[in-house]
PDB file of all heavy atoms in Angstrom:
ATOM      1  N   ALA A   1     174.335  82.593  33.713  1.00  0.00           N
ATOM      2  CA  ALA A   1     173.431  81.792  34.543  1.00  0.00           C
ATOM      3  C   ALA A   1     173.785  81.916  36.028  1.00  0.00           C
ATOM      4  O   ALA A   1     172.896  81.969  36.883  1.00  0.00           O
ATOM      5  CB  ALA A   1     173.476  80.326  34.104  1.00  0.00           C
ATOM      6  N   THR A   2     175.062  81.985  36.328  1.00  0.00           N
ATOM      7  CA  THR A   2     175.495  82.140  37.717  1.00  0.00           C
ATOM      8  C   THR A   2     175.043  83.486  38.279  1.00  0.00           C
ATOM      9  O   THR A   2     174.511  83.561  39.396  1.00  0.00           O
ATOM     10  CB  THR A   2     177.027  82.008  37.819  1.00  0.00           C
ATOM     11  OG1 THR A   2     177.412  80.723  37.323  1.00  0.00           O
ATOM     12  CG2 THR A   2     177.506  82.169  39.246  1.00  0.00           C
ATOM     13  N   ALA A   3     175.246  84.545  37.513  1.00  0.00           N
ATOM     14  CA  ALA A   3     174.815  85.869  37.966  1.00  0.00           C
ATOM     15  C   ALA A   3     173.297  85.936  38.100  1.00  0.00           C
ATOM     16  O   ALA A   3     172.778  86.522  39.061  1.00  0.00           O
ATOM     17  CB  ALA A   3     175.312  86.946  36.999  1.00  0.00           C
ATOM     18  N   LEU A   4     172.585  85.319  37.173  1.00  0.00           N
ATOM     19  CA  LEU A   4     171.128  85.271  37.260  1.00  0.00           C
ATOM     20  C   LEU A   4     170.691  84.487  38.493  1.00  0.00           C
ATOM     21  O   LEU A   4     169.718  84.843  39.163  1.00  0.00           O
ATOM     22  CB  LEU A   4     170.541  84.650  35.996  1.00  0.00           C
ATOM     23  CG  LEU A   4     169.026  84.595  35.888  1.00  0.00           C
ATOM     24  CD1 LEU A   4     168.443  86.003  35.907  1.00  0.00           C
ATOM     25  CD2 LEU A   4     168.612  83.862  34.626  1.00  0.00           C
ATOM     26  N   GLY A   5     171.434  83.441  38.818  1.00  0.00           N
ATOM     27  CA  GLY A   5     171.143  82.642  40.003  1.00  0.00           C
ATOM     28  C   GLY A   5     171.212  83.444  41.290  1.00  0.00           C
ATOM     29  O   GLY A   5     170.475  83.178  42.242  1.00  0.00           O
ATOM     30  N   VAL A   6     172.087  84.448  41.334  1.00  0.00           N
ATOM     31  CA  VAL A   6     172.178  85.314  42.510  1.00  0.00           C
ATOM     32  C   VAL A   6     170.847  86.024  42.725  1.00  0.00           C
ATOM     33  O   VAL A   6     170.314  86.053  43.842  1.00  0.00           O
ATOM     34  CB  VAL A   6     173.327  86.337  42.361  1.00  0.00           C
ATOM     35  CG1 VAL A   6     173.289  87.371  43.471  1.00  0.00           C
ATOM     36  CG2 VAL A   6     174.671  85.627  42.340  1.00  0.00           C
ATOM     37  N   PHE A   7     170.291  86.578  41.656  1.00  0.00           N
ATOM     38  CA  PHE A   7     168.999  87.267  41.768  1.00  0.00           C
ATOM     39  C   PHE A   7     167.884  86.302  42.163  1.00  0.00           C
ATOM     40  O   PHE A   7     167.050  86.609  43.013  1.00  0.00           O
ATOM     41  CB  PHE A   7     168.635  87.961  40.450  1.00  0.00           C
ATOM     42  CG  PHE A   7     169.460  89.182  40.167  1.00  0.00           C
ATOM     43  CD1 PHE A   7     170.457  89.150  39.210  1.00  0.00           C
ATOM     44  CD2 PHE A   7     169.238  90.362  40.854  1.00  0.00           C
ATOM     45  CE1 PHE A   7     171.214  90.271  38.932  1.00  0.00           C
ATOM     46  CE2 PHE A   7     169.992  91.499  40.600  1.00  0.00           C
ATOM     47  CZ  PHE A   7     170.984  91.448  39.634  1.00  0.00           C
ATOM     48  N   ILE A   8     167.883  85.135  41.532  1.00  0.00           N
ATOM     49  CA  ILE A   8     166.830  84.152  41.807  1.00  0.00           C
ATOM     50  C   ILE A   8     166.883  83.687  43.260  1.00  0.00           C
ATOM     51  O   ILE A   8     165.861  83.635  43.948  1.00  0.00           O
ATOM     52  CB  ILE A   8     166.932  82.962  40.833  1.00  0.00           C
ATOM     53  CG1 ILE A   8     166.585  83.423  39.416  1.00  0.00           C
ATOM     54  CG2 ILE A   8     166.028  81.813  41.268  1.00  0.00           C
ATOM     55  CD1 ILE A   8     166.889  82.407  38.329  1.00  0.00           C
ATOM     56  N   LEU A   9     168.073  83.352  43.732  1.00  0.00           N
ATOM     57  CA  LEU A   9     168.197  82.883  45.111  1.00  0.00           C
ATOM     58  C   LEU A   9     167.888  83.978  46.126  1.00  0.00           C
ATOM     59  O   LEU A   9     167.307  83.716  47.170  1.00  0.00           O
ATOM     60  CB  LEU A   9     169.584  82.300  45.352  1.00  0.00           C
ATOM     61  CG  LEU A   9     169.849  80.969  44.656  1.00  0.00           C
ATOM     62  CD1 LEU A   9     171.294  80.544  44.846  1.00  0.00           C
ATOM     63  CD2 LEU A   9     168.907  79.899  45.169  1.00  0.00           C
ATOM     64  N   ARG A  10     168.259  85.201  45.822  1.00  0.00           N
ATOM     65  CA  ARG A  10     167.934  86.303  46.737  1.00  0.00           C
ATOM     66  C   ARG A  10     166.428  86.520  46.807  1.00  0.00           C
ATOM     67  O   ARG A  10     165.907  86.921  47.839  1.00  0.00           O
ATOM     68  CB  ARG A  10     168.624  87.591  46.290  1.00  0.00           C
ATOM     69  CG  ARG A  10     170.125  87.518  46.379  1.00  0.00           C
ATOM     70  CD  ARG A  10     170.637  88.420  47.464  1.00  0.00           C
ATOM     71  NE  ARG A  10     172.061  88.194  47.656  1.00  0.00           N
ATOM     72  CZ  ARG A  10     172.939  89.163  47.711  1.00  0.00           C
ATOM     73  NH1 ARG A  10     172.571  90.407  47.580  1.00  0.00           N
ATOM     74  NH2 ARG A  10     174.198  88.880  47.921  1.00  0.00           N
ATOM     75  N   LYS A  11     165.735  86.273  45.709  1.00  0.00           N
ATOM     76  CA  LYS A  11     164.272  86.428  45.689  1.00  0.00           C
ATOM     77  C   LYS A  11     163.593  85.260  46.406  1.00  0.00           C
ATOM     78  O   LYS A  11     162.690  85.456  47.206  1.00  0.00           O
ATOM     79  CB  LYS A  11     163.806  86.504  44.226  1.00  0.00           C
ATOM     80  CG  LYS A  11     162.331  86.588  44.035  1.00  0.00           C
ATOM     81  CD  LYS A  11     161.861  88.004  44.120  1.00  0.00           C
ATOM     82  CE  LYS A  11     160.393  88.053  43.692  1.00  0.00           C
ATOM     83  NZ  LYS A  11     159.723  89.177  44.233  1.00  0.00           N
ATOM     84  N   LYS A  12     164.052  84.016  46.104  1.00  0.00           N
ATOM     85  CA  LYS A  12     163.419  82.827  46.676  1.00  0.00           C
ATOM     86  C   LYS A  12     163.800  82.594  48.136  1.00  0.00           C
ATOM     87  O   LYS A  12     163.017  82.024  48.887  1.00  0.00           O
ATOM     88  CB  LYS A  12     163.788  81.575  45.855  1.00  0.00           C
ATOM     89  CG  LYS A  12     163.084  81.501  44.532  1.00  0.00           C
ATOM     90  CD  LYS A  12     163.375  80.181  43.861  1.00  0.00           C
ATOM     91  CE  LYS A  12     162.563  80.037  42.592  1.00  0.00           C
ATOM     92  NZ  LYS A  12     162.746  78.729  41.977  1.00  0.00           N
ATOM     93  N   MET A  13     165.002  82.973  48.515  1.00  0.00           N
ATOM     94  CA  MET A  13     165.498  82.714  49.869  1.00  0.00           C
ATOM     95  C   MET A  13     166.080  83.999  50.467  1.00  0.00           C
ATOM     96  O   MET A  13     167.293  84.090  50.682  1.00  0.00           O
ATOM     97  CB  MET A  13     166.551  81.606  49.815  1.00  0.00           C
ATOM     98  CG  MET A  13     166.026  80.300  49.255  1.00  0.00           C
ATOM     99  SD  MET A  13     167.278  79.056  48.820  1.00  0.00           S
ATOM    100  CE  MET A  13     168.363  79.056  50.187  1.00  0.00           C
ATOM    101  N   PRO A  14     165.230  84.987  50.743  1.00  0.00           N
ATOM    102  CA  PRO A  14     165.753  86.280  51.209  1.00  0.00           C
ATOM    103  C   PRO A  14     166.422  86.236  52.582  1.00  0.00           C
ATOM    104  O   PRO A  14     167.272  87.065  52.880  1.00  0.00           O
ATOM    105  CB  PRO A  14     164.511  87.179  51.230  1.00  0.00           C
ATOM    106  CG  PRO A  14     163.359  86.242  51.332  1.00  0.00           C
ATOM    107  CD  PRO A  14     163.782  84.977  50.646  1.00  0.00           C
ATOM    108  N   ASP A  15     166.063  85.259  53.406  1.00  0.00           N
ATOM    109  CA  ASP A  15     166.616  85.194  54.757  1.00  0.00           C
ATOM    110  C   ASP A  15     167.757  84.190  54.904  1.00  0.00           C
ATOM    111  O   ASP A  15     168.213  83.953  56.022  1.00  0.00           O
ATOM    112  CB  ASP A  15     165.499  84.851  55.750  1.00  0.00           C
ATOM    113  CG  ASP A  15     164.414  85.912  55.759  1.00  0.00           C
ATOM    114  OD1 ASP A  15     164.753  87.103  55.582  1.00  0.00           O
ATOM    115  OD2 ASP A  15     163.229  85.554  55.927  1.00  0.00           O
ATOM    116  N   ALA A  16     168.201  83.612  53.811  1.00  0.00           N
ATOM    117  CA  ALA A  16     169.287  82.626  53.876  1.00  0.00           C
ATOM    118  C   ALA A  16     170.581  83.313  54.318  1.00  0.00           C
ATOM    119  O   ALA A  16     170.820  84.471  53.972  1.00  0.00           O
ATOM    120  CB  ALA A  16     169.487  81.967  52.514  1.00  0.00           C
ATOM    121  N   PRO A  17     171.418  82.596  55.082  1.00  0.00           N
ATOM    122  CA  PRO A  17     172.696  83.194  55.484  1.00  0.00           C
ATOM    123  C   PRO A  17     173.565  83.448  54.246  1.00  0.00           C
ATOM    124  O   PRO A  17     173.565  82.654  53.304  1.00  0.00           O
ATOM    125  CB  PRO A  17     173.323  82.140  56.392  1.00  0.00           C
ATOM    126  CG  PRO A  17     172.550  80.898  56.195  1.00  0.00           C
ATOM    127  CD  PRO A  17     171.228  81.268  55.609  1.00  0.00           C
ATOM    128  N   ARG A  18     174.264  84.546  54.242  1.00  0.00           N
ATOM    129  CA  ARG A  18     175.103  84.931  53.108  1.00  0.00           C
ATOM    130  C   ARG A  18     176.551  85.118  53.585  1.00  0.00           C
ATOM    131  O   ARG A  18     176.978  86.245  53.857  1.00  0.00           O
ATOM    132  CB  ARG A  18     174.585  86.212  52.486  1.00  0.00           C
ATOM    133  CG  ARG A  18     173.099  86.160  52.192  1.00  0.00           C
ATOM    134  CD  ARG A  18     172.774  86.616  50.816  1.00  0.00           C
ATOM    135  NE  ARG A  18     171.345  86.734  50.615  1.00  0.00           N
ATOM    136  CZ  ARG A  18     170.548  85.729  50.299  1.00  0.00           C
ATOM    137  NH1 ARG A  18     171.029  84.541  50.168  1.00  0.00           N
ATOM    138  NH2 ARG A  18     169.256  85.923  50.096  1.00  0.00           N
ATOM    139  N   PRO A  19     177.294  84.013  53.685  1.00  0.00           N
ATOM    140  CA  PRO A  19     178.677  84.145  54.159  1.00  0.00           C
ATOM    141  C   PRO A  19     179.565  84.904  53.173  1.00  0.00           C
ATOM    142  O   PRO A  19     180.577  85.468  53.552  1.00  0.00           O
ATOM    143  CB  PRO A  19     179.146  82.701  54.323  1.00  0.00           C
ATOM    144  CG  PRO A  19     178.227  81.893  53.483  1.00  0.00           C
ATOM    145  CD  PRO A  19     176.932  82.632  53.425  1.00  0.00           C
ATOM    146  N   TYR A  20     179.152  84.928  51.908  1.00  0.00           N
ATOM    147  CA  TYR A  20     179.908  85.669  50.898  1.00  0.00           C
ATOM    148  C   TYR A  20     178.977  86.687  50.258  1.00  0.00           C
ATOM    149  O   TYR A  20     177.926  86.331  49.729  1.00  0.00           O
ATOM    150  CB  TYR A  20     180.479  84.731  49.835  1.00  0.00           C
ATOM    151  CG  TYR A  20     181.203  85.463  48.734  1.00  0.00           C
ATOM    152  CD1 TYR A  20     182.494  85.912  48.920  1.00  0.00           C
ATOM    153  CD2 TYR A  20     180.580  85.737  47.523  1.00  0.00           C
ATOM    154  CE1 TYR A  20     183.161  86.619  47.945  1.00  0.00           C
ATOM    155  CE2 TYR A  20     181.235  86.438  46.529  1.00  0.00           C
ATOM    156  CZ  TYR A  20     182.531  86.877  46.741  1.00  0.00           C
ATOM    157  OH  TYR A  20     183.177  87.577  45.767  1.00  0.00           O
ATOM    158  N   LYS A  21     179.341  87.933  50.316  1.00  0.00           N
ATOM    159  CA  LYS A  21     178.524  88.999  49.737  1.00  0.00           C
ATOM    160  C   LYS A  21     178.958  89.242  48.295  1.00  0.00           C
ATOM    161  O   LYS A  21     180.145  89.241  47.984  1.00  0.00           O
ATOM    162  CB  LYS A  21     178.690  90.304  50.525  1.00  0.00           C
ATOM    163  CG  LYS A  21     178.378  90.167  52.001  1.00  0.00           C
ATOM    164  CD  LYS A  21     176.912  89.935  52.230  1.00  0.00           C
ATOM    165  CE  LYS A  21     176.619  89.881  53.725  1.00  0.00           C
ATOM    166  NZ  LYS A  21     175.353  89.372  54.058  1.00  0.00           N
ATOM    167  N   VAL A  22     177.991  89.459  47.417  1.00  0.00           N
ATOM    168  CA  VAL A  22     178.280  89.768  46.016  1.00  0.00           C
ATOM    169  C   VAL A  22     178.658  91.240  45.939  1.00  0.00           C
ATOM    170  O   VAL A  22     177.874  92.111  46.299  1.00  0.00           O
ATOM    171  CB  VAL A  22     177.065  89.465  45.116  1.00  0.00           C
ATOM    172  CG1 VAL A  22     177.340  89.879  43.681  1.00  0.00           C
ATOM    173  CG2 VAL A  22     176.713  87.999  45.186  1.00  0.00           C
ATOM    174  N   TRP A  23     179.857  91.496  45.472  1.00  0.00           N
ATOM    175  CA  TRP A  23     180.358  92.859  45.384  1.00  0.00           C
ATOM    176  C   TRP A  23     179.522  93.646  44.372  1.00  0.00           C
ATOM    177  O   TRP A  23     179.267  93.189  43.265  1.00  0.00           O
ATOM    178  CB  TRP A  23     181.829  92.840  44.957  1.00  0.00           C
ATOM    179  CG  TRP A  23     182.449  94.186  44.896  1.00  0.00           C
ATOM    180  CD1 TRP A  23     182.985  94.880  45.936  1.00  0.00           C
ATOM    181  CD2 TRP A  23     182.580  95.015  43.748  1.00  0.00           C
ATOM    182  NE1 TRP A  23     183.446  96.079  45.503  1.00  0.00           N
ATOM    183  CE2 TRP A  23     183.207  96.201  44.154  1.00  0.00           C
ATOM    184  CE3 TRP A  23     182.228  94.879  42.422  1.00  0.00           C
ATOM    185  CZ2 TRP A  23     183.496  97.235  43.293  1.00  0.00           C
ATOM    186  CZ3 TRP A  23     182.509  95.912  41.540  1.00  0.00           C
ATOM    187  CH2 TRP A  23     183.136  97.072  41.988  1.00  0.00           C
ATOM    188  N   GLY A  24     179.068  94.812  44.771  1.00  0.00           N
ATOM    189  CA  GLY A  24     178.347  95.690  43.873  1.00  0.00           C
ATOM    190  C   GLY A  24     176.927  95.268  43.554  1.00  0.00           C
ATOM    191  O   GLY A  24     176.357  95.725  42.564  1.00  0.00           O
ATOM    192  N   TYR A  25     176.366  94.376  44.373  1.00  0.00           N
ATOM    193  CA  TYR A  25     175.004  93.904  44.116  1.00  0.00           C
ATOM    194  C   TYR A  25     174.047  95.073  44.203  1.00  0.00           C
ATOM    195  O   TYR A  25     174.165  95.890  45.102  1.00  0.00           O
ATOM    196  CB  TYR A  25     174.620  92.831  45.144  1.00  0.00           C
ATOM    197  CG  TYR A  25     173.233  92.278  44.955  1.00  0.00           C
ATOM    198  CD1 TYR A  25     173.003  91.283  44.024  1.00  0.00           C
ATOM    199  CD2 TYR A  25     172.158  92.782  45.674  1.00  0.00           C
ATOM    200  CE1 TYR A  25     171.723  90.781  43.832  1.00  0.00           C
ATOM    201  CE2 TYR A  25     170.881  92.284  45.486  1.00  0.00           C
ATOM    202  CZ  TYR A  25     170.668  91.289  44.568  1.00  0.00           C
ATOM    203  OH  TYR A  25     169.415  90.797  44.363  1.00  0.00           O
ATOM    204  N   PRO A  26     173.111  95.238  43.341  1.00  0.00           N
ATOM    205  CA  PRO A  26     172.688  94.415  42.211  1.00  0.00           C
ATOM    206  C   PRO A  26     173.283  94.850  40.872  1.00  0.00           C
ATOM    207  O   PRO A  26     173.050  94.215  39.845  1.00  0.00           O
ATOM    208  CB  PRO A  26     171.171  94.613  42.205  1.00  0.00           C
ATOM    209  CG  PRO A  26     170.974  96.020  42.665  1.00  0.00           C
ATOM    210  CD  PRO A  26     172.087  96.257  43.658  1.00  0.00           C
ATOM    211  N   VAL A  27     174.094  95.917  40.883  1.00  0.00           N
ATOM    212  CA  VAL A  27     174.603  96.468  39.624  1.00  0.00           C
ATOM    213  C   VAL A  27     175.576  95.514  38.935  1.00  0.00           C
ATOM    214  O   VAL A  27     175.438  95.232  37.740  1.00  0.00           O
ATOM    215  CB  VAL A  27     175.262  97.852  39.872  1.00  0.00           C
ATOM    216  CG1 VAL A  27     175.896  98.385  38.607  1.00  0.00           C
ATOM    217  CG2 VAL A  27     174.239  98.833  40.423  1.00  0.00           C
ATOM    218  N   VAL A  28     176.566  95.014  39.660  1.00  0.00           N
ATOM    219  CA  VAL A  28     177.597  94.176  39.043  1.00  0.00           C
ATOM    220  C   VAL A  28     177.014  92.879  38.466  1.00  0.00           C
ATOM    221  O   VAL A  28     177.291  92.543  37.309  1.00  0.00           O
ATOM    222  CB  VAL A  28     178.759  93.906  40.029  1.00  0.00           C
ATOM    223  CG1 VAL A  28     179.730  92.893  39.458  1.00  0.00           C
ATOM    224  CG2 VAL A  28     179.484  95.212  40.349  1.00  0.00           C
ATOM    225  N   PRO A  29     176.189  92.117  39.216  1.00  0.00           N
ATOM    226  CA  PRO A  29     175.606  90.923  38.590  1.00  0.00           C
ATOM    227  C   PRO A  29     174.729  91.254  37.371  1.00  0.00           C
ATOM    228  O   PRO A  29     174.717  90.506  36.396  1.00  0.00           O
ATOM    229  CB  PRO A  29     174.770  90.289  39.704  1.00  0.00           C
ATOM    230  CG  PRO A  29     175.292  90.844  40.959  1.00  0.00           C
ATOM    231  CD  PRO A  29     175.846  92.190  40.637  1.00  0.00           C
ATOM    232  N   ALA A  30     174.035  92.392  37.410  1.00  0.00           N
ATOM    233  CA  ALA A  30     173.215  92.787  36.254  1.00  0.00           C
ATOM    234  C   ALA A  30     174.088  93.086  35.042  1.00  0.00           C
ATOM    235  O   ALA A  30     173.759  92.689  33.917  1.00  0.00           O
ATOM    236  CB  ALA A  30     172.362  94.003  36.611  1.00  0.00           C
ATOM    237  N   ILE A  31     175.230  93.735  35.266  1.00  0.00           N
ATOM    238  CA  ILE A  31     176.162  94.005  34.166  1.00  0.00           C
ATOM    239  C   ILE A  31     176.716  92.700  33.606  1.00  0.00           C
ATOM    240  O   ILE A  31     176.836  92.539  32.386  1.00  0.00           O
ATOM    241  CB  ILE A  31     177.294  94.944  34.642  1.00  0.00           C
ATOM    242  CG1 ILE A  31     176.731  96.344  34.905  1.00  0.00           C
ATOM    243  CG2 ILE A  31     178.422  95.009  33.627  1.00  0.00           C
ATOM    244  CD1 ILE A  31     177.696  97.291  35.599  1.00  0.00           C
ATOM    245  N   VAL A  32     177.035  91.754  34.488  1.00  0.00           N
ATOM    246  CA  VAL A  32     177.536  90.448  34.035  1.00  0.00           C
ATOM    247  C   VAL A  32     176.495  89.751  33.161  1.00  0.00           C
ATOM    248  O   VAL A  32     176.828  89.188  32.110  1.00  0.00           O
ATOM    249  CB  VAL A  32     177.940  89.558  35.236  1.00  0.00           C
ATOM    250  CG1 VAL A  32     178.217  88.131  34.793  1.00  0.00           C
ATOM    251  CG2 VAL A  32     179.142  90.134  35.938  1.00  0.00           C
ATOM    252  N   ILE A  33     175.237  89.809  33.561  1.00  0.00           N
ATOM    253  CA  ILE A  33     174.166  89.189  32.776  1.00  0.00           C
ATOM    254  C   ILE A  33     174.054  89.860  31.416  1.00  0.00           C
ATOM    255  O   ILE A  33     173.958  89.180  30.380  1.00  0.00           O
ATOM    256  CB  ILE A  33     172.818  89.249  33.531  1.00  0.00           C
ATOM    257  CG1 ILE A  33     172.881  88.344  34.760  1.00  0.00           C
ATOM    258  CG2 ILE A  33     171.665  88.839  32.620  1.00  0.00           C
ATOM    259  CD1 ILE A  33     171.718  88.522  35.721  1.00  0.00           C
ATOM    260  N   LEU A  34     174.101  91.179  31.386  1.00  0.00           N
ATOM    261  CA  LEU A  34     174.001  91.908  30.116  1.00  0.00           C
ATOM    262  C   LEU A  34     175.175  91.603  29.186  1.00  0.00           C
ATOM    263  O   LEU A  34     174.984  91.376  27.984  1.00  0.00           O
ATOM    264  CB  LEU A  34     173.897  93.410  30.371  1.00  0.00           C
ATOM    265  CG  LEU A  34     172.597  93.890  31.007  1.00  0.00           C
ATOM    266  CD1 LEU A  34     172.685  95.365  31.363  1.00  0.00           C
ATOM    267  CD2 LEU A  34     171.419  93.606  30.093  1.00  0.00           C
ATOM    268  N   ILE A  35     176.374  91.596  29.735  1.00  0.00           N
ATOM    269  CA  ILE A  35     177.555  91.301  28.914  1.00  0.00           C
ATOM    270  C   ILE A  35     177.506  89.858  28.418  1.00  0.00           C
ATOM    271  O   ILE A  35     177.805  89.580  27.248  1.00  0.00           O
ATOM    272  CB  ILE A  35     178.857  91.584  29.694  1.00  0.00           C
ATOM    273  CG1 ILE A  35     179.015  93.093  29.890  1.00  0.00           C
ATOM    274  CG2 ILE A  35     180.074  91.002  28.983  1.00  0.00           C
ATOM    275  CD1 ILE A  35     180.143  93.493  30.811  1.00  0.00           C
ATOM    276  N   SER A  36     177.121  88.935  29.279  1.00  0.00           N
ATOM    277  CA  SER A  36     177.012  87.530  28.881  1.00  0.00           C
ATOM    278  C   SER A  36     175.980  87.359  27.771  1.00  0.00           C
ATOM    279  O   SER A  36     176.228  86.648  26.787  1.00  0.00           O
ATOM    280  CB  SER A  36     176.635  86.656  30.081  1.00  0.00           C
ATOM    281  OG  SER A  36     177.637  86.699  31.053  1.00  0.00           O
ATOM    282  N   ALA A  37     174.834  88.002  27.924  1.00  0.00           N
ATOM    283  CA  ALA A  37     173.796  87.921  26.892  1.00  0.00           C
ATOM    284  C   ALA A  37     174.287  88.544  25.594  1.00  0.00           C
ATOM    285  O   ALA A  37     174.048  88.003  24.497  1.00  0.00           O
ATOM    286  CB  ALA A  37     172.529  88.613  27.371  1.00  0.00           C
ATOM    287  N   GLY A  38     174.991  89.669  25.700  1.00  0.00           N
ATOM    288  CA  GLY A  38     175.540  90.313  24.505  1.00  0.00           C
ATOM    289  C   GLY A  38     176.532  89.430  23.771  1.00  0.00           C
ATOM    290  O   GLY A  38     176.487  89.305  22.546  1.00  0.00           O
ATOM    291  N   LEU A  39     177.447  88.811  24.516  1.00  0.00           N
ATOM    292  CA  LEU A  39     178.421  87.914  23.893  1.00  0.00           C
ATOM    293  C   LEU A  39     177.746  86.675  23.313  1.00  0.00           C
ATOM    294  O   LEU A  39     178.148  86.173  22.256  1.00  0.00           O
ATOM    295  CB  LEU A  39     179.502  87.512  24.897  1.00  0.00           C
ATOM    296  CG  LEU A  39     180.509  88.613  25.210  1.00  0.00           C
ATOM    297  CD1 LEU A  39     181.385  88.214  26.377  1.00  0.00           C
ATOM    298  CD2 LEU A  39     181.368  88.914  23.998  1.00  0.00           C
TER     299      LEU A  39
END
């Protein structure tokens, strides 16, 4: 849900300040979502 939230917030708030960058975006959060769904 947290990784999915990254995608949702980036879509809903594209101009929001991002003091912390997600490493490997969009690949790493997508992998986290897939692994989480698999487990």
